[in-house]
N, C-alpha and C. Protein backbone atom coordinates (compact mmCIF):
# COMPACT_ATOMS: atom_id res chain seq x y z
N MET A 1 0.75 -1.24 0.21
CA MET A 1 0.11 -0.17 -0.04
C MET A 1 0.88 1.30 -0.08
N ILE A 2 1.76 1.15 0.80
CA ILE A 2 2.52 2.23 1.11
C ILE A 2 3.59 3.00 -0.28
N ALA A 3 3.87 1.62 -0.67
CA ALA A 3 4.63 1.86 -2.19
C ALA A 3 3.88 2.24 -3.24
N ARG A 4 2.61 1.79 -3.53
CA ARG A 4 1.67 2.23 -4.40
C ARG A 4 1.05 3.72 -4.09
N LEU A 5 0.96 4.26 -2.73
CA LEU A 5 0.89 5.51 -2.48
C LEU A 5 1.83 6.33 -2.88
N THR A 6 3.27 5.84 -2.75
CA THR A 6 4.25 6.81 -2.88
C THR A 6 4.48 6.95 -4.44
N VAL A 7 4.19 6.26 -5.11
CA VAL A 7 4.45 6.28 -6.44
C VAL A 7 3.28 7.11 -7.24
N LEU A 8 2.35 7.09 -6.52
CA LEU A 8 1.16 7.63 -7.01
C LEU A 8 1.20 9.20 -6.82
N VAL A 9 1.60 9.18 -5.81
CA VAL A 9 1.80 10.89 -4.93
C VAL A 9 3.06 11.46 -5.82
N PHE A 10 4.31 10.68 -5.92
CA PHE A 10 5.19 11.11 -6.91
C PHE A 10 4.66 11.55 -8.32
N LEU A 11 3.89 10.47 -8.85
CA LEU A 11 3.63 10.82 -10.23
C LEU A 11 2.82 11.97 -10.19
N LEU A 12 1.84 12.15 -9.55
CA LEU A 12 0.94 13.61 -9.27
C LEU A 12 1.84 14.52 -9.30
N GLY A 13 2.89 14.68 -8.50
CA GLY A 13 3.82 15.89 -8.39
C GLY A 13 4.61 16.09 -9.49
N LEU A 14 5.10 14.88 -10.54
CA LEU A 14 5.86 15.01 -11.65
C LEU A 14 4.89 15.54 -12.61
N SER A 15 3.91 14.94 -12.63
CA SER A 15 2.88 15.38 -13.58
C SER A 15 2.24 16.75 -13.63
N PHE A 16 2.27 17.19 -12.44
CA PHE A 16 2.16 19.07 -12.10
C PHE A 16 3.31 19.64 -12.66
N VAL A 17 4.38 19.31 -12.30
CA VAL A 17 5.63 20.36 -12.70
C VAL A 17 5.61 20.17 -13.93
N LEU A 18 5.63 19.13 -14.90
CA LEU A 18 5.94 19.19 -16.13
C LEU A 18 4.85 19.76 -17.02
N SER A 19 3.41 19.72 -16.36
CA SER A 19 2.37 20.19 -17.02
C SER A 19 2.70 21.79 -17.10
N GLN A 20 3.30 22.03 -15.83
CA GLN A 20 3.25 23.52 -15.79
C GLN A 20 4.39 24.24 -16.56
N GLU A 21 5.49 23.34 -16.58
CA GLU A 21 6.79 23.77 -17.02
C GLU A 21 6.82 23.52 -18.81
N LEU A 22 5.94 22.65 -19.16
CA LEU A 22 6.01 22.25 -20.77
C LEU A 22 4.78 22.79 -21.54
N LEU A 23 3.55 23.12 -20.94
CA LEU A 23 2.38 23.69 -21.39
C LEU A 23 2.18 25.05 -20.79
N TYR A 24 1.74 25.05 -19.55
CA TYR A 24 1.16 26.29 -18.66
C TYR A 24 2.09 27.49 -19.02
N GLU A 25 3.20 27.23 -18.62
CA GLU A 25 3.90 28.75 -18.52
C GLU A 25 4.29 29.44 -19.78
N PRO A 26 4.76 28.01 -20.82
CA PRO A 26 5.27 28.76 -22.14
C PRO A 26 3.80 29.18 -23.20
N TYR A 27 2.56 28.46 -22.73
CA TYR A 27 1.75 28.65 -24.04
C TYR A 27 0.44 29.45 -23.30
N ILE A 28 0.00 29.05 -22.27
CA ILE A 28 -1.26 29.53 -21.32
C ILE A 28 -0.68 30.82 -20.82
N VAL A 29 0.31 31.39 -20.02
CA VAL A 29 0.35 32.54 -19.53
C VAL A 29 0.74 33.69 -20.17
N PRO A 30 1.10 33.56 -21.31
CA PRO A 30 1.25 34.62 -22.23
C PRO A 30 -0.15 34.92 -22.68
N ARG A 31 -1.32 34.15 -23.12
CA ARG A 31 -2.52 34.27 -23.50
C ARG A 31 -3.51 34.76 -22.19
N LEU A 32 -3.20 34.65 -21.09
CA LEU A 32 -4.15 35.15 -20.09
C LEU A 32 -4.80 36.22 -19.86
N ALA A 33 -4.36 37.45 -20.82
CA ALA A 33 -4.87 38.65 -20.57
C ALA A 33 -6.42 38.38 -21.16
N THR A 34 -6.64 37.70 -22.14
CA THR A 34 -8.30 37.45 -22.46
C THR A 34 -8.06 35.84 -22.58
N TRP A 35 -9.20 35.45 -21.88
CA TRP A 35 -9.56 34.09 -21.62
C TRP A 35 -9.78 33.34 -22.94
N ASN A 36 -10.33 34.18 -23.79
CA ASN A 36 -11.02 33.77 -25.03
C ASN A 36 -9.83 33.30 -25.90
N GLU A 37 -8.74 33.70 -25.79
CA GLU A 37 -7.58 33.26 -26.44
C GLU A 37 -7.14 32.10 -26.04
N VAL A 38 -7.23 31.29 -25.10
CA VAL A 38 -6.56 29.85 -24.68
C VAL A 38 -7.45 28.88 -25.38
N PRO A 39 -7.13 28.41 -26.30
CA PRO A 39 -7.81 27.12 -26.65
C PRO A 39 -8.12 26.11 -25.66
N TYR A 40 -9.34 25.73 -25.89
CA TYR A 40 -9.86 24.67 -25.01
C TYR A 40 -8.77 23.40 -24.97
N LEU A 41 -8.33 22.91 -25.99
CA LEU A 41 -7.32 22.00 -25.93
C LEU A 41 -6.25 22.15 -25.31
N LEU A 42 -6.05 23.28 -25.16
CA LEU A 42 -4.70 23.55 -24.48
C LEU A 42 -4.51 23.46 -22.96
N TRP A 43 -5.91 23.80 -22.64
CA TRP A 43 -6.36 23.54 -21.24
C TRP A 43 -6.75 22.29 -20.89
N VAL A 44 -7.16 21.37 -21.78
CA VAL A 44 -7.09 20.16 -21.67
C VAL A 44 -5.74 19.42 -21.39
N GLY A 45 -5.08 19.59 -22.38
CA GLY A 45 -3.88 19.37 -22.48
C GLY A 45 -2.96 19.51 -21.14
N THR A 46 -3.16 20.80 -20.78
CA THR A 46 -2.33 20.87 -19.48
C THR A 46 -2.92 20.10 -18.44
N LEU A 47 -4.13 19.90 -18.21
CA LEU A 47 -4.85 19.17 -16.92
C LEU A 47 -4.87 17.92 -17.04
N ALA A 48 -4.73 17.13 -18.12
CA ALA A 48 -4.75 15.75 -18.65
C ALA A 48 -3.85 15.22 -17.64
N PRO A 49 -2.63 15.37 -17.73
CA PRO A 49 -1.59 14.63 -16.79
C PRO A 49 -2.00 14.36 -15.43
N GLU A 50 -2.58 15.25 -14.90
CA GLU A 50 -2.90 15.15 -13.40
C GLU A 50 -4.21 14.27 -13.35
N PHE A 51 -5.32 14.67 -14.25
CA PHE A 51 -6.21 13.96 -14.06
C PHE A 51 -6.04 12.36 -14.53
N ALA A 52 -5.11 12.10 -15.28
CA ALA A 52 -4.66 10.83 -15.66
C ALA A 52 -4.45 10.11 -14.30
N VAL A 53 -3.65 10.69 -13.55
CA VAL A 53 -2.69 10.31 -12.25
C VAL A 53 -4.24 9.89 -11.37
N CYS A 54 -5.27 10.92 -10.99
CA CYS A 54 -6.35 10.65 -10.65
C CYS A 54 -6.99 9.38 -10.80
N VAL A 55 -7.18 9.32 -12.24
CA VAL A 55 -8.03 8.18 -12.32
C VAL A 55 -7.13 7.14 -12.35
N ALA A 56 -5.86 6.94 -12.19
CA ALA A 56 -5.20 5.83 -11.94
C ALA A 56 -5.45 5.40 -10.62
N ALA A 57 -5.24 6.41 -9.77
CA ALA A 57 -5.20 6.23 -8.29
C ALA A 57 -6.63 5.72 -8.07
N ALA A 58 -7.68 6.32 -8.49
CA ALA A 58 -8.95 5.63 -8.28
C ALA A 58 -9.07 4.17 -8.73
N LEU A 59 -8.69 3.73 -9.83
CA LEU A 59 -8.95 2.47 -10.20
C LEU A 59 -7.53 1.25 -9.78
N ILE A 60 -6.33 2.03 -9.03
CA ILE A 60 -5.62 1.10 -8.35
C ILE A 60 -5.82 0.99 -6.73
N SER A 61 -6.05 1.74 -6.28
CA SER A 61 -6.43 1.79 -4.75
C SER A 61 -7.31 0.79 -4.48
N ARG A 62 -6.97 0.16 -3.36
CA ARG A 62 -7.91 -1.28 -2.90
C ARG A 62 -8.48 -0.71 -1.63
N SER A 63 -8.14 0.12 -1.10
CA SER A 63 -9.23 0.70 0.06
C SER A 63 -9.57 1.93 0.00
N THR A 64 -10.64 2.70 0.86
CA THR A 64 -10.72 3.87 1.27
C THR A 64 -9.67 4.83 1.92
N LYS A 65 -8.97 3.86 2.61
CA LYS A 65 -7.85 4.79 3.30
C LYS A 65 -6.66 5.25 2.28
N GLU A 66 -6.44 4.39 1.49
CA GLU A 66 -5.41 4.50 0.53
C GLU A 66 -5.87 5.44 -0.59
N TRP A 67 -7.23 5.57 -1.14
CA TRP A 67 -7.23 6.77 -2.09
C TRP A 67 -7.30 8.00 -1.33
N LEU A 68 -7.80 8.06 0.13
CA LEU A 68 -7.93 9.22 0.92
C LEU A 68 -6.43 9.80 1.45
N SER A 69 -5.55 8.95 1.59
CA SER A 69 -4.44 9.13 1.82
C SER A 69 -3.75 9.84 0.56
N PHE A 70 -3.91 9.28 -0.51
CA PHE A 70 -3.51 9.80 -1.82
C PHE A 70 -4.07 11.42 -2.06
N CYS A 71 -5.29 11.67 -1.94
CA CYS A 71 -5.80 12.64 -1.99
C CYS A 71 -5.11 13.98 -0.86
N PHE A 72 -4.98 13.54 0.48
CA PHE A 72 -4.28 14.48 1.46
C PHE A 72 -3.00 14.45 0.70
N LEU A 73 -2.09 13.44 0.68
CA LEU A 73 -0.64 13.82 0.45
C LEU A 73 -0.72 14.40 -0.65
N GLY A 74 -1.38 14.13 -1.96
CA GLY A 74 -1.29 14.74 -3.24
C GLY A 74 -1.45 16.12 -3.24
N GLY A 75 -2.42 16.69 -2.48
CA GLY A 75 -2.71 18.05 -2.34
C GLY A 75 -1.89 18.80 -1.54
N LEU A 76 -1.15 17.96 -0.38
CA LEU A 76 0.03 18.50 0.12
C LEU A 76 1.40 18.96 -0.93
N VAL A 77 1.54 17.93 -1.66
CA VAL A 77 2.85 17.65 -2.40
C VAL A 77 2.61 18.93 -3.58
N ILE A 78 1.38 19.20 -3.98
CA ILE A 78 1.34 20.25 -5.13
C ILE A 78 1.44 21.55 -4.50
N THR A 79 0.69 21.58 -3.28
CA THR A 79 0.92 23.14 -2.57
C THR A 79 2.32 23.08 -2.23
N ALA A 80 3.24 22.14 -1.82
CA ALA A 80 4.40 22.68 -1.55
C ALA A 80 5.32 22.83 -2.45
N LEU A 81 5.02 22.36 -3.69
CA LEU A 81 5.89 22.53 -5.06
C LEU A 81 5.48 23.83 -5.65
N GLN A 82 4.11 24.14 -5.57
CA GLN A 82 3.91 25.77 -5.56
C GLN A 82 4.67 26.63 -4.81
N TRP A 83 4.51 26.36 -3.67
CA TRP A 83 5.35 27.29 -2.43
C TRP A 83 6.87 27.50 -2.76
N VAL A 84 7.45 26.21 -3.17
CA VAL A 84 8.99 26.13 -3.46
C VAL A 84 9.12 27.01 -4.81
N ALA A 85 8.39 26.58 -5.97
CA ALA A 85 8.55 27.39 -6.89
C ALA A 85 8.20 28.84 -6.95
N GLY A 86 7.52 29.33 -6.11
CA GLY A 86 7.55 30.67 -5.78
C GLY A 86 8.69 31.40 -5.10
N LEU A 87 9.25 30.54 -4.40
CA LEU A 87 10.65 31.02 -3.68
C LEU A 87 11.64 31.05 -4.82
N LEU A 88 11.66 30.23 -5.63
CA LEU A 88 12.74 30.06 -6.33
C LEU A 88 12.60 31.10 -7.62
N ASN A 89 11.19 31.56 -8.07
CA ASN A 89 11.18 32.64 -8.78
C ASN A 89 11.46 34.18 -8.29
N GLN A 90 11.88 34.13 -7.08
CA GLN A 90 12.26 35.37 -6.44
C GLN A 90 13.64 35.77 -6.53
N PRO A 91 14.20 36.97 -6.73
CA PRO A 91 15.85 37.11 -6.69
C PRO A 91 16.24 37.02 -5.06
N GLY A 92 17.49 36.67 -5.06
CA GLY A 92 18.09 35.91 -3.77
C GLY A 92 17.99 37.03 -2.62
N HIS A 93 18.05 38.54 -2.84
CA HIS A 93 18.07 39.54 -1.93
C HIS A 93 16.54 39.72 -1.42
N ILE A 94 15.47 39.38 -1.96
CA ILE A 94 14.43 39.59 -1.59
C ILE A 94 13.43 38.35 -1.29
N LYS A 95 13.96 37.33 -1.13
CA LYS A 95 13.17 35.85 -1.08
C LYS A 95 12.46 36.29 0.24
N ALA A 96 11.13 35.79 0.18
CA ALA A 96 10.36 36.07 1.24
C ALA A 96 9.04 35.07 0.78
N VAL A 97 8.45 34.64 1.96
CA VAL A 97 7.24 33.88 1.50
C VAL A 97 6.09 34.81 1.34
N GLU A 98 5.35 34.61 0.07
CA GLU A 98 4.31 35.38 -0.45
C GLU A 98 3.02 34.87 0.34
N GLY A 99 2.30 35.62 0.80
CA GLY A 99 0.83 35.10 1.82
C GLY A 99 1.52 34.90 3.20
N SER A 100 0.75 34.23 3.61
CA SER A 100 0.95 33.43 5.21
C SER A 100 0.52 32.09 5.18
N ILE A 101 0.43 31.70 6.10
CA ILE A 101 0.17 30.26 6.40
C ILE A 101 -1.16 29.99 6.16
N VAL A 102 -1.97 31.04 6.17
CA VAL A 102 -3.50 30.83 6.05
C VAL A 102 -3.65 30.65 4.57
N ASN A 103 -2.72 31.53 3.61
CA ASN A 103 -2.84 31.12 2.13
C ASN A 103 -2.67 29.59 1.82
N PHE A 104 -1.34 29.10 2.23
CA PHE A 104 -1.11 28.00 2.16
C PHE A 104 -2.04 26.87 2.57
N VAL A 105 -2.80 26.87 4.00
CA VAL A 105 -3.55 25.97 4.25
C VAL A 105 -4.94 25.99 3.20
N LEU A 106 -5.32 27.21 3.14
CA LEU A 106 -6.43 27.30 2.00
C LEU A 106 -6.25 26.99 0.76
N GLN A 107 -4.96 27.09 0.08
CA GLN A 107 -4.74 26.45 -1.00
C GLN A 107 -4.86 25.11 -1.10
N TYR A 108 -4.08 24.24 -0.10
CA TYR A 108 -4.18 22.97 0.56
C TYR A 108 -5.59 22.56 0.58
N ALA A 109 -6.28 22.94 1.40
CA ALA A 109 -7.76 22.63 1.40
C ALA A 109 -8.48 22.28 0.09
N ILE A 110 -8.41 23.37 -0.71
CA ILE A 110 -9.08 23.63 -2.06
C ILE A 110 -8.39 22.58 -3.04
N LEU A 111 -7.11 22.44 -2.94
CA LEU A 111 -6.70 21.37 -3.65
C LEU A 111 -7.07 19.95 -3.35
N THR A 112 -6.93 19.61 -1.93
CA THR A 112 -7.50 18.35 -1.18
C THR A 112 -9.00 18.15 -1.48
N VAL A 113 -9.72 19.15 -1.41
CA VAL A 113 -11.34 18.96 -1.79
C VAL A 113 -11.32 18.44 -3.45
N LEU A 114 -10.41 19.19 -4.36
CA LEU A 114 -10.97 19.08 -5.53
C LEU A 114 -10.36 17.52 -5.96
N LEU A 115 -9.10 17.03 -5.27
CA LEU A 115 -8.89 15.78 -5.54
C LEU A 115 -9.73 14.63 -4.95
N LEU A 116 -10.33 14.93 -3.60
CA LEU A 116 -11.35 14.14 -3.31
C LEU A 116 -12.43 13.84 -4.05
N ILE A 117 -12.82 15.08 -4.80
CA ILE A 117 -14.18 15.08 -5.53
C ILE A 117 -13.79 14.07 -6.98
N THR A 118 -12.61 14.34 -7.21
CA THR A 118 -12.17 13.72 -8.66
C THR A 118 -12.11 12.03 -8.22
N VAL A 119 -11.20 11.88 -7.50
CA VAL A 119 -10.80 10.59 -7.50
C VAL A 119 -12.26 9.73 -6.86
N GLY A 120 -12.89 10.65 -5.98
CA GLY A 120 -14.29 9.85 -5.23
C GLY A 120 -15.08 9.71 -6.51
N VAL A 121 -15.28 10.47 -7.28
CA VAL A 121 -16.29 10.21 -8.46
C VAL A 121 -15.64 9.04 -9.37
N MET A 122 -14.36 9.07 -9.61
CA MET A 122 -13.95 7.98 -10.66
C MET A 122 -14.10 6.30 -9.68
N ARG A 123 -13.97 6.64 -8.09
CA ARG A 123 -14.14 5.38 -7.24
C ARG A 123 -15.81 4.92 -7.62
N LEU A 124 -16.65 5.94 -7.61
CA LEU A 124 -17.88 5.84 -7.58
C LEU A 124 -18.17 4.76 -8.80
N ILE A 125 -17.71 5.67 -10.24
CA ILE A 125 -17.88 4.99 -11.47
C ILE A 125 -17.17 3.60 -11.59
N ARG A 126 -16.17 3.36 -10.89
CA ARG A 126 -15.52 1.92 -10.97
C ARG A 126 -16.68 0.77 -10.25
N TYR A 127 -17.14 1.55 -9.12
CA TYR A 127 -17.82 0.83 -8.32
C TYR A 127 -19.24 0.34 -8.88
N SER A 128 -19.63 1.27 -10.08
CA SER A 128 -21.03 0.89 -10.39
C SER A 128 -20.98 -0.17 -11.46
N PHE A 129 -19.67 0.39 -12.29
CA PHE A 129 -19.34 -0.81 -13.27
C PHE A 129 -18.99 -2.34 -12.61
N ARG A 130 -18.35 -2.42 -11.60
CA ARG A 130 -18.15 -3.40 -11.01
C ARG A 130 -19.50 -4.27 -10.36
N SER A 131 -20.25 -3.38 -9.66
CA SER A 131 -21.55 -3.83 -9.36
C SER A 131 -22.49 -4.20 -10.43
N ARG A 132 -22.34 -3.85 -11.53
CA ARG A 132 -23.35 -3.90 -12.48
C ARG A 132 -23.20 -5.23 -13.38
N GLY A 133 -21.78 -5.64 -13.13
CA GLY A 133 -21.64 -7.13 -13.84
C GLY A 133 -22.33 -8.20 -12.78
N THR A 134 -22.38 -7.78 -11.48
CA THR A 134 -22.73 -9.12 -10.70
C THR A 134 -24.10 -9.16 -10.35
N VAL A 135 -24.84 -8.01 -10.58
CA VAL A 135 -26.10 -7.86 -10.53
C VAL A 135 -26.92 -8.81 -11.60
N SER A 136 -27.97 -9.52 -11.52
CA SER A 136 -28.80 -10.06 -12.71
C SER A 136 -29.95 -9.85 -12.80
């Protein structure tokens, strides 16, 4: 369980960093002045890796404890990566944490709820297909 959980959380963090670096920053950030200029396929391509990891977590996890742990740890990993990225983007002589612990906790809570909803819905879909085959 711990190995699966660790791999899934690592993949979520890796997919977040790669989609941010390869798609979001070079292609979406310059077009953010007007939302209409960002094609939907670009948004889908940016969010697809994280969604794929969530679907994998929903399908692979064997217990409720495992997928709940994935959601809480995944939210923490993404929030921590964004915090570190914010520190790395600032010049050395004015390095400071933007915002407060309240912002960090709020972002963590929002990300965790989004992961819980996504993985929870996938688990419900998985169970509906599983129980559908056994009911006569």
